[in-house]
PDB file of N, CA and C in Angstrom:
ATOM      1  N   MET A   1     108.381 159.280 111.614  1.00  0.00           N
ATOM      2  CA  MET A   1     108.054 159.758 110.284  1.00  0.00           C
ATOM      3  C   MET A   1     107.769 161.259 110.373  1.00  0.00           C
ATOM      4  N   THR A   2     108.273 161.972 109.420  1.00  0.00           N
ATOM      5  CA  THR A   2     108.096 163.425 109.434  1.00  0.00           C
ATOM      6  C   THR A   2     106.752 163.789 108.824  1.00  0.00           C
ATOM      7  N   ARG A   3     106.338 164.968 109.088  1.00  0.00           N
ATOM      8  CA  ARG A   3     105.055 165.444 108.584  1.00  0.00           C
ATOM      9  C   ARG A   3     104.981 165.406 107.049  1.00  0.00           C
ATOM     10  N   PRO A   4     106.009 165.841 106.320  1.00  0.00           N
ATOM     11  CA  PRO A   4     105.947 165.748 104.848  1.00  0.00           C
ATOM     12  C   PRO A   4     105.803 164.309 104.358  1.00  0.00           C
ATOM     13  N   ASP A   5     106.485 163.365 105.039  1.00  0.00           N
ATOM     14  CA  ASP A   5     106.365 161.957 104.641  1.00  0.00           C
ATOM     15  C   ASP A   5     104.943 161.447 104.875  1.00  0.00           C
ATOM     16  N   GLU A   6     104.352 161.839 105.990  1.00  0.00           N
ATOM     17  CA  GLU A   6     102.983 161.450 106.299  1.00  0.00           C
ATOM     18  C   GLU A   6     102.021 161.993 105.234  1.00  0.00           C
ATOM     19  N   LEU A   7     102.235 163.231 104.858  1.00  0.00           N
ATOM     20  CA  LEU A   7     101.386 163.836 103.838  1.00  0.00           C
ATOM     21  C   LEU A   7     101.541 163.124 102.494  1.00  0.00           C
ATOM     22  N   ARG A   8     102.776 162.741 102.140  1.00  0.00           N
ATOM     23  CA  ARG A   8     102.985 162.008 100.885  1.00  0.00           C
ATOM     24  C   ARG A   8     102.275 160.656 100.910  1.00  0.00           C
ATOM     25  N   LEU A   9     102.365 159.951 102.034  1.00  0.00           N
ATOM     26  CA  LEU A   9     101.684 158.662 102.157  1.00  0.00           C
ATOM     27  C   LEU A   9     100.168 158.831 102.064  1.00  0.00           C
ATOM     28  N   GLU A  10      99.654 159.850 102.745  1.00  0.00           N
ATOM     29  CA  GLU A  10      98.210 160.109 102.695  1.00  0.00           C
ATOM     30  C   GLU A  10      97.784 160.469 101.270  1.00  0.00           C
ATOM     31  N   ALA A  11      98.584 161.262 100.582  1.00  0.00           N
ATOM     32  CA  ALA A  11      98.271 161.627  99.198  1.00  0.00           C
ATOM     33  C   ALA A  11      98.275 160.382  98.309  1.00  0.00           C
ATOM     34  N   GLU A  12      99.227 159.477  98.526  1.00  0.00           N
ATOM     35  CA  GLU A  12      99.286 158.254  97.736  1.00  0.00           C
ATOM     36  C   GLU A  12      98.069 157.370  98.011  1.00  0.00           C
ATOM     37  N   ARG A  13      97.638 157.272  99.257  1.00  0.00           N
ATOM     38  CA  ARG A  13      96.436 156.509  99.601  1.00  0.00           C
ATOM     39  C   ARG A  13      95.204 157.102  98.929  1.00  0.00           C
ATOM     40  N   LYS A  14      95.107 158.411  98.968  1.00  0.00           N
ATOM     41  CA  LYS A  14      93.959 159.080  98.343  1.00  0.00           C
ATOM     42  C   LYS A  14      93.963 158.878  96.833  1.00  0.00           C
ATOM     43  N   ARG A  15      95.144 158.923  96.210  1.00  0.00           N
ATOM     44  CA  ARG A  15      95.241 158.675  94.772  1.00  0.00           C
ATOM     45  C   ARG A  15      94.760 157.267  94.438  1.00  0.00           C
ATOM     46  N   GLN A  16      95.161 156.298  95.267  1.00  0.00           N
ATOM     47  CA  GLN A  16      94.753 154.914  95.046  1.00  0.00           C
ATOM     48  C   GLN A  16      93.232 154.774  95.194  1.00  0.00           C
ATOM     49  N   GLU A  17      92.655 155.394  96.216  1.00  0.00           N
ATOM     50  CA  GLU A  17      91.199 155.371  96.409  1.00  0.00           C
ATOM     51  C   GLU A  17      90.486 155.998  95.222  1.00  0.00           C
ATOM     52  N   LEU A  18      91.004 157.127  94.758  1.00  0.00           N
ATOM     53  CA  LEU A  18      90.403 157.807  93.614  1.00  0.00           C
ATOM     54  C   LEU A  18      90.472 156.942  92.362  1.00  0.00           C
ATOM     55  N   ALA A  19      91.607 156.281  92.158  1.00  0.00           N
ATOM     56  CA  ALA A  19      91.749 155.400  90.989  1.00  0.00           C
ATOM     57  C   ALA A  19      90.740 154.254  91.065  1.00  0.00           C
ATOM     58  N   GLU A  20      90.556 153.680  92.247  1.00  0.00           N
ATOM     59  CA  GLU A  20      89.584 152.592  92.403  1.00  0.00           C
ATOM     60  C   GLU A  20      88.162 153.088  92.152  1.00  0.00           C
ATOM     61  N   THR A  21      87.858 154.273  92.668  1.00  0.00           N
ATOM     62  CA  THR A  21      86.531 154.849  92.452  1.00  0.00           C
ATOM     63  C   THR A  21      86.285 155.112  90.971  1.00  0.00           C
ATOM     64  N   LEU A  22      87.282 155.641  90.290  1.00  0.00           N
ATOM     65  CA  LEU A  22      87.150 155.888  88.855  1.00  0.00           C
ATOM     66  C   LEU A  22      86.959 154.586  88.085  1.00  0.00           C
ATOM     67  N   ASP A  23      87.695 153.545  88.470  1.00  0.00           N
ATOM     68  CA  ASP A  23      87.522 152.248  87.808  1.00  0.00           C
ATOM     69  C   ASP A  23      86.099 151.734  87.991  1.00  0.00           C
ATOM     70  N   GLN A  24      85.546 151.881  89.190  1.00  0.00           N
ATOM     71  CA  GLN A  24      84.181 151.439  89.452  1.00  0.00           C
ATOM     72  C   GLN A  24      83.175 152.243  88.624  1.00  0.00           C
ATOM     73  N   LEU A  25      83.374 153.550  88.543  1.00  0.00           N
ATOM     74  CA  LEU A  25      82.478 154.393  87.750  1.00  0.00           C
ATOM     75  C   LEU A  25      82.562 154.051  86.267  1.00  0.00           C
ATOM     76  N   MET A  26      83.750 153.805  85.787  1.00  0.00           N
ATOM     77  CA  MET A  26      83.924 153.439  84.385  1.00  0.00           C
ATOM     78  C   MET A  26      83.217 152.114  84.088  1.00  0.00           C
ATOM     79  N   ALA A  27      83.309 151.170  85.009  1.00  0.00           N
ATOM     80  CA  ALA A  27      82.648 149.880  84.819  1.00  0.00           C
ATOM     81  C   ALA A  27      81.131 150.054  84.782  1.00  0.00           C
ATOM     82  N   LYS A  28      80.601 150.950  85.607  1.00  0.00           N
ATOM     83  CA  LYS A  28      79.153 151.171  85.634  1.00  0.00           C
ATOM     84  C   LYS A  28      78.658 151.868  84.376  1.00  0.00           C
ATOM     85  N   THR A  29      79.477 152.686  83.772  1.00  0.00           N
ATOM     86  CA  THR A  29      79.036 153.439  82.596  1.00  0.00           C
ATOM     87  C   THR A  29      79.422 152.772  81.278  1.00  0.00           C
ATOM     88  N   ASP A  30      80.099 151.620  81.327  1.00  0.00           N
ATOM     89  CA  ASP A  30      80.475 150.900  80.114  1.00  0.00           C
ATOM     90  C   ASP A  30      79.285 150.055  79.672  1.00  0.00           C
ATOM     91  N   LEU A  31      78.450 150.625  78.807  1.00  0.00           N
ATOM     92  CA  LEU A  31      77.211 149.971  78.407  1.00  0.00           C
ATOM     93  C   LEU A  31      77.449 148.683  77.628  1.00  0.00           C
ATOM     94  N   ARG A  32      78.482 148.645  76.815  1.00  0.00           N
ATOM     95  CA  ARG A  32      78.765 147.423  76.054  1.00  0.00           C
ATOM     96  C   ARG A  32      79.116 146.268  76.979  1.00  0.00           C
ATOM     97  N   ALA A  33      79.954 146.545  77.965  1.00  0.00           N
ATOM     98  CA  ALA A  33      80.344 145.488  78.905  1.00  0.00           C
ATOM     99  C   ALA A  33      79.144 145.042  79.729  1.00  0.00           C
ATOM    100  N   ARG A  34      78.320 145.996  80.144  1.00  0.00           N
ATOM    101  CA  ARG A  34      77.141 145.633  80.941  1.00  0.00           C
ATOM    102  C   ARG A  34      76.145 144.840  80.106  1.00  0.00           C
ATOM    103  N   ALA A  35      75.989 145.192  78.834  1.00  0.00           N
ATOM    104  CA  ALA A  35      75.065 144.460  77.965  1.00  0.00           C
ATOM    105  C   ALA A  35      75.562 143.037  77.736  1.00  0.00           C
ATOM    106  N   ALA A  36      76.856 142.864  77.693  1.00  0.00           N
ATOM    107  CA  ALA A  36      77.419 141.530  77.488  1.00  0.00           C
ATOM    108  C   ALA A  36      77.176 140.635  78.701  1.00  0.00           C
ATOM    109  N   GLN A  37      76.950 141.224  79.863  1.00  0.00           N
ATOM    110  CA  GLN A  37      76.736 140.455  81.086  1.00  0.00           C
ATOM    111  C   GLN A  37      75.274 140.103  81.312  1.00  0.00           C
ATOM    112  N   VAL A  38      74.375 140.652  80.521  1.00  0.00           N
ATOM    113  CA  VAL A  38      72.945 140.428  80.728  1.00  0.00           C
ATOM    114  C   VAL A  38      72.585 139.001  80.332  1.00  0.00           C
ATOM    115  N   ASP A  39      71.811 138.355  81.161  1.00  0.00           N
ATOM    116  CA  ASP A  39      71.331 137.002  80.881  1.00  0.00           C
ATOM    117  C   ASP A  39      69.942 137.123  80.259  1.00  0.00           C
ATOM    118  N   TYR A  40      69.843 136.795  78.982  1.00  0.00           N
ATOM    119  CA  TYR A  40      68.589 136.965  78.252  1.00  0.00           C
ATOM    120  C   TYR A  40      67.673 135.739  78.343  1.00  0.00           C
ATOM    121  N   ARG A  41      68.101 134.684  79.019  1.00  0.00           N
ATOM    122  CA  ARG A  41      67.272 133.469  79.094  1.00  0.00           C
ATOM    123  C   ARG A  41      65.889 133.724  79.685  1.00  0.00           C
ATOM    124  N   PRO A  42      65.757 134.486  80.783  1.00  0.00           N
ATOM    125  CA  PRO A  42      64.402 134.722  81.305  1.00  0.00           C
ATOM    126  C   PRO A  42      63.513 135.457  80.306  1.00  0.00           C
ATOM    127  N   VAL A  43      64.075 136.386  79.566  1.00  0.00           N
ATOM    128  CA  VAL A  43      63.298 137.133  78.575  1.00  0.00           C
ATOM    129  C   VAL A  43      62.824 136.185  77.470  1.00  0.00           C
ATOM    130  N   LEU A  44      63.705 135.312  77.026  1.00  0.00           N
ATOM    131  CA  LEU A  44      63.335 134.355  75.986  1.00  0.00           C
ATOM    132  C   LEU A  44      62.275 133.381  76.489  1.00  0.00           C
ATOM    133  N   LEU A  45      62.390 132.973  77.750  1.00  0.00           N
ATOM    134  CA  LEU A  45      61.404 132.063  78.325  1.00  0.00           C
ATOM    135  C   LEU A  45      60.026 132.712  78.370  1.00  0.00           C
ATOM    136  N   VAL A  46      59.959 133.964  78.794  1.00  0.00           N
ATOM    137  CA  VAL A  46      58.680 134.682  78.846  1.00  0.00           C
ATOM    138  C   VAL A  46      58.117 134.859  77.436  1.00  0.00           C
ATOM    139  N   ALA A  47      58.969 135.208  76.483  1.00  0.00           N
ATOM    140  CA  ALA A  47      58.508 135.385  75.103  1.00  0.00           C
ATOM    141  C   ALA A  47      57.966 134.073  74.536  1.00  0.00           C
ATOM    142  N   ALA A  48      58.637 132.967  74.826  1.00  0.00           N
ATOM    143  CA  ALA A  48      58.162 131.664  74.342  1.00  0.00           C
ATOM    144  C   ALA A  48      56.823 131.304  74.994  1.00  0.00           C
ATOM    145  N   ALA A  49      56.684 131.586  76.284  1.00  0.00           N
ATOM    146  CA  ALA A  49      55.429 131.291  76.981  1.00  0.00           C
ATOM    147  C   ALA A  49      54.286 132.134  76.408  1.00  0.00           C
ATOM    148  N   MET A  50      54.556 133.390  76.108  1.00  0.00           N
ATOM    149  CA  MET A  50      53.524 134.262  75.539  1.00  0.00           C
ATOM    150  C   MET A  50      53.132 133.785  74.135  1.00  0.00           C
ATOM    151  N   ALA A  51      54.109 133.357  73.357  1.00  0.00           N
ATOM    152  CA  ALA A  51      53.811 132.850  72.018  1.00  0.00           C
ATOM    153  C   ALA A  51      52.967 131.583  72.100  1.00  0.00           C
ATOM    154  N   ALA A  52      53.308 130.711  73.043  1.00  0.00           N
ATOM    155  CA  ALA A  52      52.531 129.479  73.216  1.00  0.00           C
ATOM    156  C   ALA A  52      51.107 129.796  73.658  1.00  0.00           C
ATOM    157  N   ALA A  53      50.957 130.745  74.562  1.00  0.00           N
ATOM    158  CA  ALA A  53      49.616 131.131  75.025  1.00  0.00           C
ATOM    159  C   ALA A  53      48.805 131.734  73.879  1.00  0.00           C
ATOM    160  N   ALA A  54      49.440 132.546  73.045  1.00  0.00           N
ATOM    161  CA  ALA A  54      48.735 133.132  71.906  1.00  0.00           C
ATOM    162  C   ALA A  54      48.316 132.050  70.921  1.00  0.00           C
ATOM    163  N   LEU A  55      49.166 131.062  70.718  1.00  0.00           N
ATOM    164  CA  LEU A  55      48.839 129.966  69.817  1.00  0.00           C
ATOM    165  C   LEU A  55      47.647 129.161  70.344  1.00  0.00           C
ATOM    166  N   VAL A  56      47.683 128.844  71.635  1.00  0.00           N
ATOM    167  CA  VAL A  56      46.580 128.093  72.242  1.00  0.00           C
ATOM    168  C   VAL A  56      45.286 128.908  72.154  1.00  0.00           C
ATOM    169  N   ALA A  57      45.365 130.196  72.455  1.00  0.00           N
ATOM    170  CA  ALA A  57      44.173 131.043  72.382  1.00  0.00           C
ATOM    171  C   ALA A  57      43.643 131.098  70.951  1.00  0.00           C
ATOM    172  N   GLY A  58      44.521 131.191  69.982  1.00  0.00           N
ATOM    173  CA  GLY A  58      44.106 131.214  68.582  1.00  0.00           C
ATOM    174  C   GLY A  58      43.418 129.930  68.180  1.00  0.00           C
ATOM    175  N   VAL A  59      43.967 128.796  68.604  1.00  0.00           N
ATOM    176  CA  VAL A  59      43.351 127.504  68.284  1.00  0.00           C
ATOM    177  C   VAL A  59      41.983 127.402  68.934  1.00  0.00           C
ATOM    178  N   LEU A  60      41.882 127.782  70.194  1.00  0.00           N
ATOM    179  CA  LEU A  60      40.594 127.707  70.891  1.00  0.00           C
ATOM    180  C   LEU A  60      39.557 128.627  70.260  1.00  0.00           C
ATOM    181  N   LEU A  61      39.956 129.831  69.905  1.00  0.00           N
ATOM    182  CA  LEU A  61      39.028 130.742  69.236  1.00  0.00           C
ATOM    183  C   LEU A  61      38.582 130.199  67.887  1.00  0.00           C
ATOM    184  N   SER A  62      39.499 129.638  67.165  1.00  0.00           N
ATOM    185  CA  SER A  62      39.183 129.079  65.859  1.00  0.00           C
ATOM    186  C   SER A  62      38.197 127.922  65.993  1.00  0.00           C
ATOM    187  N   ARG A  63      38.407 127.098  66.985  1.00  0.00           N
ATOM    188  CA  ARG A  63      37.517 125.945  67.176  1.00  0.00           C
ATOM    189  C   ARG A  63      36.118 126.395  67.586  1.00  0.00           C
ATOM    190  N   THR A  64      36.022 127.433  68.444  1.00  0.00           N
ATOM    191  CA  THR A  64      34.700 127.870  68.884  1.00  0.00           C
ATOM    192  C   THR A  64      33.966 128.578  67.749  1.00  0.00           C
ATOM    193  N   ARG A  65      34.683 129.273  66.885  1.00  0.00           N
ATOM    194  CA  ARG A  65      34.051 129.958  65.754  1.00  0.00           C
ATOM    195  C   ARG A  65      33.562 128.986  64.690  1.00  0.00           C
ATOM    196  N   HIS A  66      34.220 127.865  64.584  1.00  0.00           N
ATOM    197  CA  HIS A  66      33.883 126.899  63.544  1.00  0.00           C
ATOM    198  C   HIS A  66      33.156 125.676  64.116  1.00  0.00           C
ATOM    199  N   GLY A  67      32.392 125.873  65.128  1.00  0.00           N
ATOM    200  CA  GLY A  67      31.557 124.803  65.670  1.00  0.00           C
ATOM    201  C   GLY A  67      32.254 123.862  66.620  1.00  0.00           C
ATOM    202  N   GLY A  68      33.388 124.241  67.124  1.00  0.00           N
ATOM    203  CA  GLY A  68      34.039 123.427  68.123  1.00  0.00           C
ATOM    204  C   GLY A  68      34.754 122.213  67.574  1.00  0.00           C
ATOM    205  N   GLY A  69      34.704 121.994  66.311  1.00  0.00           N
ATOM    206  CA  GLY A  69      35.412 120.875  65.739  1.00  0.00           C
ATOM    207  C   GLY A  69      34.728 119.533  65.983  1.00  0.00           C
ATOM    208  N   ARG A  70      33.541 119.542  66.571  1.00  0.00           N
ATOM    209  CA  ARG A  70      32.819 118.301  66.848  1.00  0.00           C
ATOM    210  C   ARG A  70      31.644 118.194  65.893  1.00  0.00           C
ATOM    211  N   ARG A  71      31.425 117.043  65.359  1.00  0.00           N
ATOM    212  CA  ARG A  71      30.293 116.837  64.448  1.00  0.00           C
ATOM    213  C   ARG A  71      29.559 115.583  64.741  1.00  0.00           C
TER     214      ARG A  71
END
């Protein structure tokens, strides 16, 4: 293989590497695509647990303020 052919092959390899790198960078900066991949189940689970805890705390506070509900 001649030197010019080697240089052309090396240039083609570098172009391919650059294209792959650009594709990876584009994927990282595509906020819509990344947002679509987010799994919101853990967030919803935590929010539901916090709501349940607030409800229980509210009931307990209400009962202690009004004589504990025992007569």
